[in-house]
């Protein structure tokens, strides 16, 4: 996996991570995994190989979900979304663009995180009580080396308490 550092603006104790927005370009979203890592090393998987229930969290699987990610159409992981990350791209044609307007996409830009075969953890509780200070990271993995992708930007919305 390749990781992008995300500097924090607010310092304090994390009450919850409310959302993560990613602007990325990648062909074939079905072989992509995104994970958020706190400064203390806690990992919460946001998405793992949409379209397949992989047996292990080891990057050795991929799905037939062939839609794409585009920088112009950022995706947001948030618990209140209507669509699971596991279903990302499932309602658009092969080669369509996730979050793009019709006819290229379905306009769905918000997704409930889905850990797939990774250890359970949620944005709301996975980081609770940890210090927000330090470098957060968004890590992305591609389980098929013939596809290409770039991480352009990541925004993490964190609630700080006490």
N, C-alpha and C. Protein backbone atom coordinates (compact mmCIF):
# COMPACT_ATOMS: atom_id res chain seq x y z
N UNK A 1 0.84 -1.18 0.00
CA UNK A 1 0.00 0.00 0.00
C UNK A 1 0.88 1.24 0.00
N UNK A 2 0.40 2.26 -0.66
CA UNK A 2 1.07 3.56 -0.64
C UNK A 2 0.25 4.47 0.27
N UNK A 3 0.94 5.29 1.06
CA UNK A 3 0.24 6.15 2.01
C UNK A 3 0.54 7.62 1.76
N UNK A 4 -0.50 8.44 1.94
CA UNK A 4 -0.39 9.89 1.80
C UNK A 4 -0.55 10.51 3.19
N UNK A 5 0.41 11.33 3.63
CA UNK A 5 0.27 11.97 4.94
C UNK A 5 -0.83 13.04 4.91
N UNK A 6 -1.55 13.13 6.02
CA UNK A 6 -2.62 14.12 6.17
C UNK A 6 -2.31 14.92 7.42
N UNK A 7 -1.82 16.15 7.29
CA UNK A 7 -1.53 16.93 8.48
C UNK A 7 -2.82 17.33 9.20
N UNK A 8 -2.78 17.35 10.54
CA UNK A 8 -3.94 17.77 11.31
C UNK A 8 -3.87 19.25 11.62
N UNK A 9 -5.03 19.86 11.71
CA UNK A 9 -5.11 21.29 12.01
C UNK A 9 -5.42 21.49 13.49
N UNK A 10 -6.35 20.69 14.00
CA UNK A 10 -6.77 20.82 15.40
C UNK A 10 -6.07 19.79 16.26
N UNK A 11 -5.71 20.21 17.46
CA UNK A 11 -5.08 19.30 18.40
C UNK A 11 -6.02 19.04 19.55
N UNK A 12 -6.05 17.80 20.02
CA UNK A 12 -6.90 17.43 21.14
C UNK A 12 -7.17 15.94 21.11
N UNK A 13 -8.20 15.55 21.83
CA UNK A 13 -8.59 14.15 21.90
C UNK A 13 -9.71 13.89 20.92
N UNK A 14 -9.57 12.84 20.12
CA UNK A 14 -10.56 12.52 19.09
C UNK A 14 -11.83 11.99 19.76
N UNK A 15 -12.96 12.63 19.44
CA UNK A 15 -14.27 12.14 19.84
C UNK A 15 -14.80 11.22 18.76
N UNK A 16 -14.63 11.63 17.50
CA UNK A 16 -14.99 10.78 16.36
C UNK A 16 -14.35 11.33 15.09
N UNK A 17 -14.20 10.46 14.13
CA UNK A 17 -13.85 10.87 12.78
C UNK A 17 -15.17 10.81 12.02
N UNK A 18 -15.61 11.95 11.53
CA UNK A 18 -16.94 12.06 10.93
C UNK A 18 -16.98 11.63 9.47
N UNK A 19 -15.95 11.98 8.73
CA UNK A 19 -15.93 11.63 7.31
C UNK A 19 -14.51 11.73 6.76
N UNK A 20 -14.32 11.06 5.64
CA UNK A 20 -13.06 11.11 4.91
C UNK A 20 -13.42 11.31 3.44
N UNK A 21 -12.87 12.36 2.83
CA UNK A 21 -13.14 12.64 1.42
C UNK A 21 -11.84 12.46 0.64
N UNK A 22 -11.93 11.69 -0.44
CA UNK A 22 -10.76 11.34 -1.23
C UNK A 22 -10.97 11.76 -2.68
N UNK A 23 -10.02 12.51 -3.21
CA UNK A 23 -9.99 12.81 -4.65
C UNK A 23 -8.86 11.98 -5.23
N UNK A 24 -9.24 11.00 -6.04
CA UNK A 24 -8.26 10.08 -6.60
C UNK A 24 -8.65 9.72 -8.02
N UNK A 25 -7.67 9.29 -8.77
CA UNK A 25 -7.93 8.75 -10.11
C UNK A 25 -7.45 7.31 -10.10
N UNK A 26 -8.29 6.41 -10.56
CA UNK A 26 -7.89 5.00 -10.62
C UNK A 26 -8.79 4.25 -11.58
N UNK A 27 -8.18 3.39 -12.39
CA UNK A 27 -8.96 2.52 -13.25
C UNK A 27 -9.32 1.26 -12.45
N UNK A 28 -10.51 0.75 -12.66
CA UNK A 28 -10.98 -0.51 -12.06
C UNK A 28 -11.04 -0.43 -10.54
N UNK A 29 -12.08 0.19 -10.02
CA UNK A 29 -12.24 0.40 -8.58
C UNK A 29 -12.33 -0.92 -7.81
N UNK A 30 -12.66 -2.01 -8.47
CA UNK A 30 -12.81 -3.30 -7.81
C UNK A 30 -11.54 -3.91 -7.26
N UNK A 31 -10.40 -3.31 -7.56
CA UNK A 31 -9.16 -3.84 -6.97
C UNK A 31 -8.48 -2.82 -6.05
N UNK A 32 -9.28 -1.87 -5.53
CA UNK A 32 -8.74 -0.80 -4.68
C UNK A 32 -9.17 -1.00 -3.23
N UNK A 33 -8.24 -0.70 -2.32
CA UNK A 33 -8.51 -0.68 -0.88
C UNK A 33 -8.03 0.65 -0.34
N UNK A 34 -8.84 1.28 0.52
CA UNK A 34 -8.46 2.51 1.22
C UNK A 34 -8.51 2.27 2.72
N UNK A 35 -7.47 2.74 3.44
CA UNK A 35 -7.42 2.62 4.89
C UNK A 35 -6.97 3.96 5.49
N UNK A 36 -7.60 4.34 6.60
CA UNK A 36 -7.20 5.54 7.34
C UNK A 36 -6.39 5.09 8.54
N UNK A 37 -5.22 5.72 8.74
CA UNK A 37 -4.32 5.36 9.84
C UNK A 37 -4.10 6.60 10.71
N UNK A 38 -4.34 6.44 12.02
CA UNK A 38 -4.15 7.54 12.96
C UNK A 38 -2.67 7.70 13.31
N UNK A 39 -2.31 8.82 13.94
CA UNK A 39 -0.91 9.00 14.35
C UNK A 39 -0.42 7.91 15.31
N UNK A 40 -1.34 7.28 16.05
CA UNK A 40 -0.92 6.22 16.98
C UNK A 40 -0.89 4.84 16.31
N UNK A 41 -1.25 4.79 15.01
CA UNK A 41 -1.15 3.52 14.27
C UNK A 41 -2.44 2.73 14.15
N UNK A 42 -3.54 3.23 14.69
CA UNK A 42 -4.82 2.54 14.54
C UNK A 42 -5.27 2.63 13.09
N UNK A 43 -5.75 1.51 12.55
CA UNK A 43 -6.16 1.44 11.15
C UNK A 43 -7.66 1.14 11.07
N UNK A 44 -8.38 1.92 10.27
CA UNK A 44 -9.77 1.64 9.95
C UNK A 44 -9.87 1.55 8.43
N UNK A 45 -10.37 0.42 7.94
CA UNK A 45 -10.54 0.23 6.50
C UNK A 45 -11.80 0.95 6.06
N UNK A 46 -11.68 1.77 5.02
CA UNK A 46 -12.82 2.50 4.47
C UNK A 46 -13.49 1.71 3.36
N UNK A 47 -12.69 1.02 2.57
CA UNK A 47 -13.19 0.28 1.43
C UNK A 47 -12.19 -0.81 1.09
N UNK A 48 -12.71 -1.98 0.77
CA UNK A 48 -11.83 -3.08 0.39
C UNK A 48 -12.43 -3.85 -0.77
N UNK A 49 -11.91 -3.61 -1.95
CA UNK A 49 -12.26 -4.35 -3.15
C UNK A 49 -13.77 -4.43 -3.38
N UNK A 50 -14.42 -3.31 -3.71
CA UNK A 50 -15.87 -3.31 -3.92
C UNK A 50 -16.30 -4.39 -4.92
N UNK A 51 -17.40 -5.03 -4.58
CA UNK A 51 -17.96 -6.02 -5.49
C UNK A 51 -17.59 -7.45 -5.18
N UNK A 52 -16.75 -7.68 -4.17
CA UNK A 52 -16.37 -9.05 -3.81
C UNK A 52 -16.19 -9.13 -2.30
N UNK A 53 -16.62 -10.24 -1.74
CA UNK A 53 -16.37 -10.50 -0.33
C UNK A 53 -15.10 -11.33 -0.26
N UNK A 54 -13.96 -10.64 -0.20
CA UNK A 54 -12.67 -11.31 -0.23
C UNK A 54 -12.47 -12.15 1.02
N UNK A 55 -11.80 -13.28 0.89
CA UNK A 55 -11.62 -14.18 2.04
C UNK A 55 -10.60 -13.65 3.06
N UNK A 56 -9.60 -12.92 2.62
CA UNK A 56 -8.55 -12.40 3.50
C UNK A 56 -8.24 -10.96 3.14
N UNK A 57 -7.77 -10.19 4.11
CA UNK A 57 -7.35 -8.81 3.89
C UNK A 57 -5.87 -8.82 3.53
N UNK A 58 -5.57 -9.34 2.32
CA UNK A 58 -4.16 -9.47 1.95
C UNK A 58 -3.86 -8.94 0.54
N UNK A 59 -4.84 -8.31 -0.11
CA UNK A 59 -4.59 -7.73 -1.44
C UNK A 59 -4.47 -8.74 -2.55
N UNK A 60 -4.77 -10.01 -2.28
CA UNK A 60 -4.60 -11.05 -3.30
C UNK A 60 -5.85 -11.27 -4.14
N UNK A 61 -6.94 -10.60 -3.82
CA UNK A 61 -8.19 -10.75 -4.56
C UNK A 61 -8.49 -9.48 -5.35
N UNK A 62 -9.44 -9.60 -6.26
CA UNK A 62 -9.98 -8.42 -6.93
C UNK A 62 -11.37 -8.78 -7.42
N UNK A 63 -12.17 -7.75 -7.71
CA UNK A 63 -13.53 -8.02 -8.17
C UNK A 63 -13.66 -7.61 -9.63
N UNK A 64 -14.81 -7.88 -10.18
CA UNK A 64 -15.09 -7.51 -11.57
C UNK A 64 -15.70 -6.12 -11.68
N UNK A 65 -15.68 -5.35 -10.59
CA UNK A 65 -16.25 -4.00 -10.62
C UNK A 65 -15.29 -3.08 -11.37
N UNK A 66 -15.64 -2.77 -12.62
CA UNK A 66 -14.70 -2.09 -13.51
C UNK A 66 -14.96 -0.59 -13.67
N UNK A 67 -15.73 0.01 -12.78
CA UNK A 67 -15.88 1.46 -12.87
C UNK A 67 -14.60 2.13 -12.36
N UNK A 68 -14.49 3.41 -12.60
CA UNK A 68 -13.25 4.14 -12.32
C UNK A 68 -13.47 5.26 -11.32
N UNK A 69 -12.40 5.71 -10.70
CA UNK A 69 -12.40 6.91 -9.86
C UNK A 69 -11.77 8.04 -10.66
N UNK A 70 -12.30 9.25 -10.48
CA UNK A 70 -11.75 10.43 -11.15
C UNK A 70 -11.56 11.55 -10.13
N UNK A 71 -10.47 12.28 -10.25
CA UNK A 71 -10.16 13.38 -9.33
C UNK A 71 -11.29 14.40 -9.29
N UNK A 72 -11.93 14.66 -10.42
CA UNK A 72 -13.01 15.64 -10.49
C UNK A 72 -14.26 15.19 -9.75
N UNK A 73 -14.31 13.94 -9.33
CA UNK A 73 -15.48 13.38 -8.65
C UNK A 73 -15.05 12.73 -7.34
N UNK A 74 -14.72 13.54 -6.32
CA UNK A 74 -14.25 12.97 -5.05
C UNK A 74 -15.34 12.15 -4.37
N UNK A 75 -14.91 11.13 -3.64
CA UNK A 75 -15.83 10.27 -2.90
C UNK A 75 -15.66 10.53 -1.41
N UNK A 76 -16.76 10.39 -0.66
CA UNK A 76 -16.73 10.62 0.78
C UNK A 76 -17.20 9.37 1.50
N UNK A 77 -16.46 8.98 2.52
CA UNK A 77 -16.84 7.88 3.39
C UNK A 77 -17.43 8.48 4.65
N UNK A 78 -18.71 8.15 4.90
CA UNK A 78 -19.45 8.72 6.03
C UNK A 78 -20.51 7.71 6.47
N UNK A 79 -20.68 7.56 7.76
CA UNK A 79 -21.59 6.54 8.30
C UNK A 79 -23.05 6.77 7.92
N UNK A 80 -23.43 8.00 7.61
CA UNK A 80 -24.83 8.30 7.31
C UNK A 80 -25.18 8.18 5.83
N UNK A 81 -24.26 7.71 5.02
CA UNK A 81 -24.53 7.54 3.58
C UNK A 81 -25.58 6.45 3.38
N UNK A 82 -26.17 6.44 2.20
CA UNK A 82 -27.19 5.44 1.88
C UNK A 82 -26.60 4.19 1.22
N UNK A 83 -25.37 4.28 0.74
CA UNK A 83 -24.77 3.19 -0.05
C UNK A 83 -23.49 2.70 0.60
N UNK A 84 -23.35 1.39 0.71
CA UNK A 84 -22.13 0.79 1.25
C UNK A 84 -20.99 0.91 0.24
N UNK A 85 -19.78 1.08 0.74
CA UNK A 85 -18.60 1.11 -0.13
C UNK A 85 -18.47 -0.19 -0.90
N UNK A 86 -19.01 -1.27 -0.37
CA UNK A 86 -18.97 -2.57 -1.05
C UNK A 86 -19.73 -2.53 -2.37
N UNK A 87 -20.69 -1.61 -2.50
CA UNK A 87 -21.50 -1.48 -3.72
C UNK A 87 -21.00 -0.40 -4.66
N UNK A 88 -19.87 0.22 -4.35
CA UNK A 88 -19.36 1.32 -5.17
C UNK A 88 -19.24 0.90 -6.63
N UNK A 89 -19.87 1.67 -7.51
CA UNK A 89 -19.79 1.43 -8.95
C UNK A 89 -20.74 0.39 -9.49
N UNK A 90 -21.49 -0.28 -8.63
CA UNK A 90 -22.32 -1.40 -9.08
C UNK A 90 -23.51 -0.99 -9.94
N UNK A 91 -23.87 0.28 -9.91
CA UNK A 91 -25.04 0.72 -10.69
C UNK A 91 -24.66 1.44 -11.98
N UNK A 92 -23.38 1.43 -12.33
CA UNK A 92 -22.97 2.09 -13.57
C UNK A 92 -22.29 1.10 -14.51
N UNK A 93 -22.24 1.45 -15.77
CA UNK A 93 -21.68 0.57 -16.79
C UNK A 93 -20.16 0.43 -16.62
N UNK A 94 -19.63 -0.65 -17.20
CA UNK A 94 -18.18 -0.86 -17.20
C UNK A 94 -17.49 0.39 -17.72
N UNK A 95 -16.44 0.82 -17.02
CA UNK A 95 -15.69 1.99 -17.43
C UNK A 95 -16.32 3.30 -17.02
N UNK A 96 -17.49 3.26 -16.37
CA UNK A 96 -18.12 4.48 -15.88
C UNK A 96 -17.31 5.09 -14.75
N UNK A 97 -17.70 6.28 -14.33
CA UNK A 97 -16.95 6.99 -13.31
C UNK A 97 -17.80 7.14 -12.05
N UNK A 98 -17.29 6.61 -10.93
CA UNK A 98 -17.96 6.72 -9.64
C UNK A 98 -18.16 8.19 -9.30
N UNK A 99 -19.35 8.54 -8.88
CA UNK A 99 -19.71 9.89 -8.43
C UNK A 99 -19.96 10.87 -9.59
N UNK A 100 -19.72 10.47 -10.82
CA UNK A 100 -20.00 11.35 -11.95
C UNK A 100 -21.51 11.40 -12.19
N UNK A 101 -21.93 12.47 -12.82
CA UNK A 101 -23.34 12.60 -13.18
C UNK A 101 -23.67 11.63 -14.31
N UNK A 102 -24.94 11.33 -14.45
CA UNK A 102 -25.41 10.47 -15.53
C UNK A 102 -25.14 11.16 -16.87
N UNK A 103 -24.81 10.49 -17.93
CA UNK A 103 -24.84 9.05 -18.13
C UNK A 103 -23.51 8.35 -17.81
N UNK A 104 -22.44 9.08 -17.50
CA UNK A 104 -21.14 8.44 -17.23
C UNK A 104 -21.12 7.74 -15.87
N UNK A 105 -21.95 8.21 -14.94
CA UNK A 105 -21.96 7.65 -13.59
C UNK A 105 -23.35 7.68 -13.00
N UNK A 106 -23.43 7.41 -11.69
CA UNK A 106 -24.73 7.38 -11.02
C UNK A 106 -24.90 8.53 -10.03
N UNK A 107 -23.91 9.39 -9.90
CA UNK A 107 -24.01 10.53 -9.00
C UNK A 107 -23.88 10.17 -7.53
N UNK A 108 -23.59 8.91 -7.22
CA UNK A 108 -23.44 8.52 -5.82
C UNK A 108 -22.01 8.83 -5.38
N UNK A 109 -21.89 9.74 -4.40
CA UNK A 109 -20.57 10.22 -3.98
C UNK A 109 -20.25 9.91 -2.52
N UNK A 110 -21.26 9.52 -1.74
CA UNK A 110 -21.06 9.22 -0.34
C UNK A 110 -21.29 7.73 -0.09
N UNK A 111 -20.41 7.14 0.72
CA UNK A 111 -20.44 5.70 0.96
C UNK A 111 -20.21 5.40 2.44
N UNK A 112 -20.95 4.39 2.94
CA UNK A 112 -20.70 3.88 4.28
C UNK A 112 -19.43 3.05 4.20
N UNK A 113 -18.45 3.30 5.08
CA UNK A 113 -17.25 2.47 5.05
C UNK A 113 -17.60 0.99 5.20
N UNK A 114 -16.87 0.14 4.49
CA UNK A 114 -17.06 -1.30 4.56
C UNK A 114 -15.69 -1.95 4.66
N UNK A 115 -15.43 -2.65 5.75
CA UNK A 115 -14.09 -3.18 6.02
C UNK A 115 -13.75 -4.42 5.22
N UNK A 116 -14.74 -5.05 4.57
CA UNK A 116 -14.44 -6.29 3.87
C UNK A 116 -13.87 -7.31 4.84
N UNK A 117 -12.78 -7.96 4.49
CA UNK A 117 -12.17 -8.98 5.35
C UNK A 117 -11.24 -8.39 6.40
N UNK A 118 -11.05 -7.07 6.40
CA UNK A 118 -10.16 -6.43 7.38
C UNK A 118 -10.79 -6.44 8.77
N UNK A 119 -9.98 -6.17 9.76
CA UNK A 119 -10.48 -6.10 11.14
C UNK A 119 -11.56 -5.04 11.25
N UNK A 120 -12.55 -5.32 12.08
CA UNK A 120 -13.66 -4.39 12.26
C UNK A 120 -13.17 -3.10 12.90
N UNK A 121 -13.82 -2.02 12.57
CA UNK A 121 -13.52 -0.71 13.13
C UNK A 121 -14.33 0.32 12.37
N UNK A 122 -14.78 1.36 13.06
CA UNK A 122 -15.58 2.38 12.41
C UNK A 122 -14.94 3.74 12.58
N UNK A 123 -15.33 4.67 11.72
CA UNK A 123 -14.83 6.03 11.86
C UNK A 123 -15.30 6.64 13.18
N UNK A 124 -16.54 6.35 13.56
CA UNK A 124 -17.10 6.97 14.76
C UNK A 124 -16.39 6.53 16.03
N UNK A 125 -15.99 5.25 16.11
CA UNK A 125 -15.43 4.75 17.36
C UNK A 125 -13.99 4.25 17.27
N UNK A 126 -13.50 4.00 16.07
CA UNK A 126 -12.17 3.40 15.91
C UNK A 126 -11.03 4.24 16.44
N UNK A 127 -11.21 5.55 16.49
CA UNK A 127 -10.13 6.44 16.90
C UNK A 127 -10.45 7.20 18.19
N UNK A 128 -11.60 6.92 18.80
CA UNK A 128 -12.06 7.63 19.99
C UNK A 128 -11.04 7.55 21.12
N UNK A 129 -10.75 8.71 21.70
CA UNK A 129 -9.84 8.78 22.84
C UNK A 129 -8.39 8.98 22.47
N UNK A 130 -8.07 8.86 21.20
CA UNK A 130 -6.68 9.06 20.77
C UNK A 130 -6.39 10.55 20.56
N UNK A 131 -5.14 10.90 20.60
CA UNK A 131 -4.73 12.26 20.30
C UNK A 131 -4.82 12.48 18.79
N UNK A 132 -5.31 13.64 18.40
CA UNK A 132 -5.37 13.97 16.97
C UNK A 132 -4.03 14.48 16.47
N UNK A 133 -3.13 14.81 17.40
CA UNK A 133 -1.84 15.40 17.06
C UNK A 133 -0.94 14.39 16.36
N UNK A 134 -0.34 14.85 15.28
CA UNK A 134 0.57 14.00 14.53
C UNK A 134 0.12 13.86 13.10
N UNK A 135 0.71 12.92 12.41
CA UNK A 135 0.40 12.74 11.01
C UNK A 135 -0.55 11.57 10.81
N UNK A 136 -1.72 11.87 10.30
CA UNK A 136 -2.66 10.85 9.87
C UNK A 136 -2.23 10.42 8.47
N UNK A 137 -2.68 9.26 8.04
CA UNK A 137 -2.34 8.79 6.69
C UNK A 137 -3.56 8.15 6.04
N UNK A 138 -3.66 8.35 4.74
CA UNK A 138 -4.62 7.61 3.93
C UNK A 138 -3.77 6.65 3.11
N UNK A 139 -4.01 5.36 3.27
CA UNK A 139 -3.25 4.36 2.54
C UNK A 139 -4.15 3.72 1.48
N UNK A 140 -3.59 3.54 0.31
CA UNK A 140 -4.33 2.95 -0.81
C UNK A 140 -3.54 1.77 -1.35
N UNK A 141 -4.28 0.72 -1.65
CA UNK A 141 -3.67 -0.46 -2.23
C UNK A 141 -4.38 -0.84 -3.51
N UNK A 142 -3.65 -1.42 -4.43
CA UNK A 142 -4.17 -1.86 -5.72
C UNK A 142 -3.75 -3.32 -5.88
N UNK A 143 -4.72 -4.22 -5.92
CA UNK A 143 -4.38 -5.63 -5.95
C UNK A 143 -4.06 -6.18 -7.34
N UNK A 144 -4.13 -5.32 -8.37
CA UNK A 144 -3.76 -5.73 -9.72
C UNK A 144 -2.81 -4.67 -10.28
N UNK A 145 -1.59 -5.06 -10.61
CA UNK A 145 -0.59 -4.06 -10.99
C UNK A 145 -0.73 -3.52 -12.41
N UNK A 146 -1.72 -3.98 -13.17
CA UNK A 146 -1.90 -3.43 -14.53
C UNK A 146 -2.78 -2.19 -14.54
N UNK A 147 -3.46 -1.90 -13.43
CA UNK A 147 -4.27 -0.69 -13.33
C UNK A 147 -3.42 0.43 -12.75
N UNK A 148 -3.85 1.64 -12.98
CA UNK A 148 -3.08 2.79 -12.50
C UNK A 148 -3.95 3.70 -11.66
N UNK A 149 -3.29 4.48 -10.78
CA UNK A 149 -4.03 5.40 -9.95
C UNK A 149 -3.15 6.40 -9.27
N UNK A 150 -3.79 7.48 -8.82
CA UNK A 150 -3.11 8.52 -8.06
C UNK A 150 -4.03 9.02 -6.96
N UNK A 151 -3.45 9.33 -5.80
CA UNK A 151 -4.16 10.01 -4.74
C UNK A 151 -3.84 11.49 -4.87
N UNK A 152 -4.86 12.31 -5.05
CA UNK A 152 -4.61 13.74 -5.22
C UNK A 152 -4.81 14.54 -3.95
N UNK A 153 -5.88 14.22 -3.20
CA UNK A 153 -6.10 14.92 -1.94
C UNK A 153 -6.99 14.09 -1.03
N UNK A 154 -6.83 14.35 0.27
CA UNK A 154 -7.63 13.68 1.28
C UNK A 154 -8.00 14.71 2.33
N UNK A 155 -9.25 14.70 2.74
CA UNK A 155 -9.72 15.57 3.82
C UNK A 155 -10.36 14.69 4.87
N UNK A 156 -9.96 14.86 6.12
CA UNK A 156 -10.53 14.11 7.23
C UNK A 156 -11.24 15.09 8.15
N UNK A 157 -12.52 14.84 8.43
CA UNK A 157 -13.31 15.67 9.33
C UNK A 157 -13.34 15.00 10.70
N UNK A 158 -12.65 15.60 11.66
CA UNK A 158 -12.49 15.02 13.00
C UNK A 158 -13.18 15.92 14.03
N UNK A 159 -13.91 15.30 14.97
CA UNK A 159 -14.45 16.02 16.11
C UNK A 159 -13.48 15.85 17.26
N UNK A 160 -13.07 17.00 17.83
CA UNK A 160 -12.13 17.02 18.94
C UNK A 160 -12.90 17.38 20.21
N UNK A 161 -12.63 16.65 21.27
CA UNK A 161 -13.28 16.94 22.55
C UNK A 161 -12.25 17.23 23.62
N UNK A 162 -12.73 17.61 24.78
CA UNK A 162 -11.93 17.83 25.99
C UNK A 162 -10.58 18.16 25.77
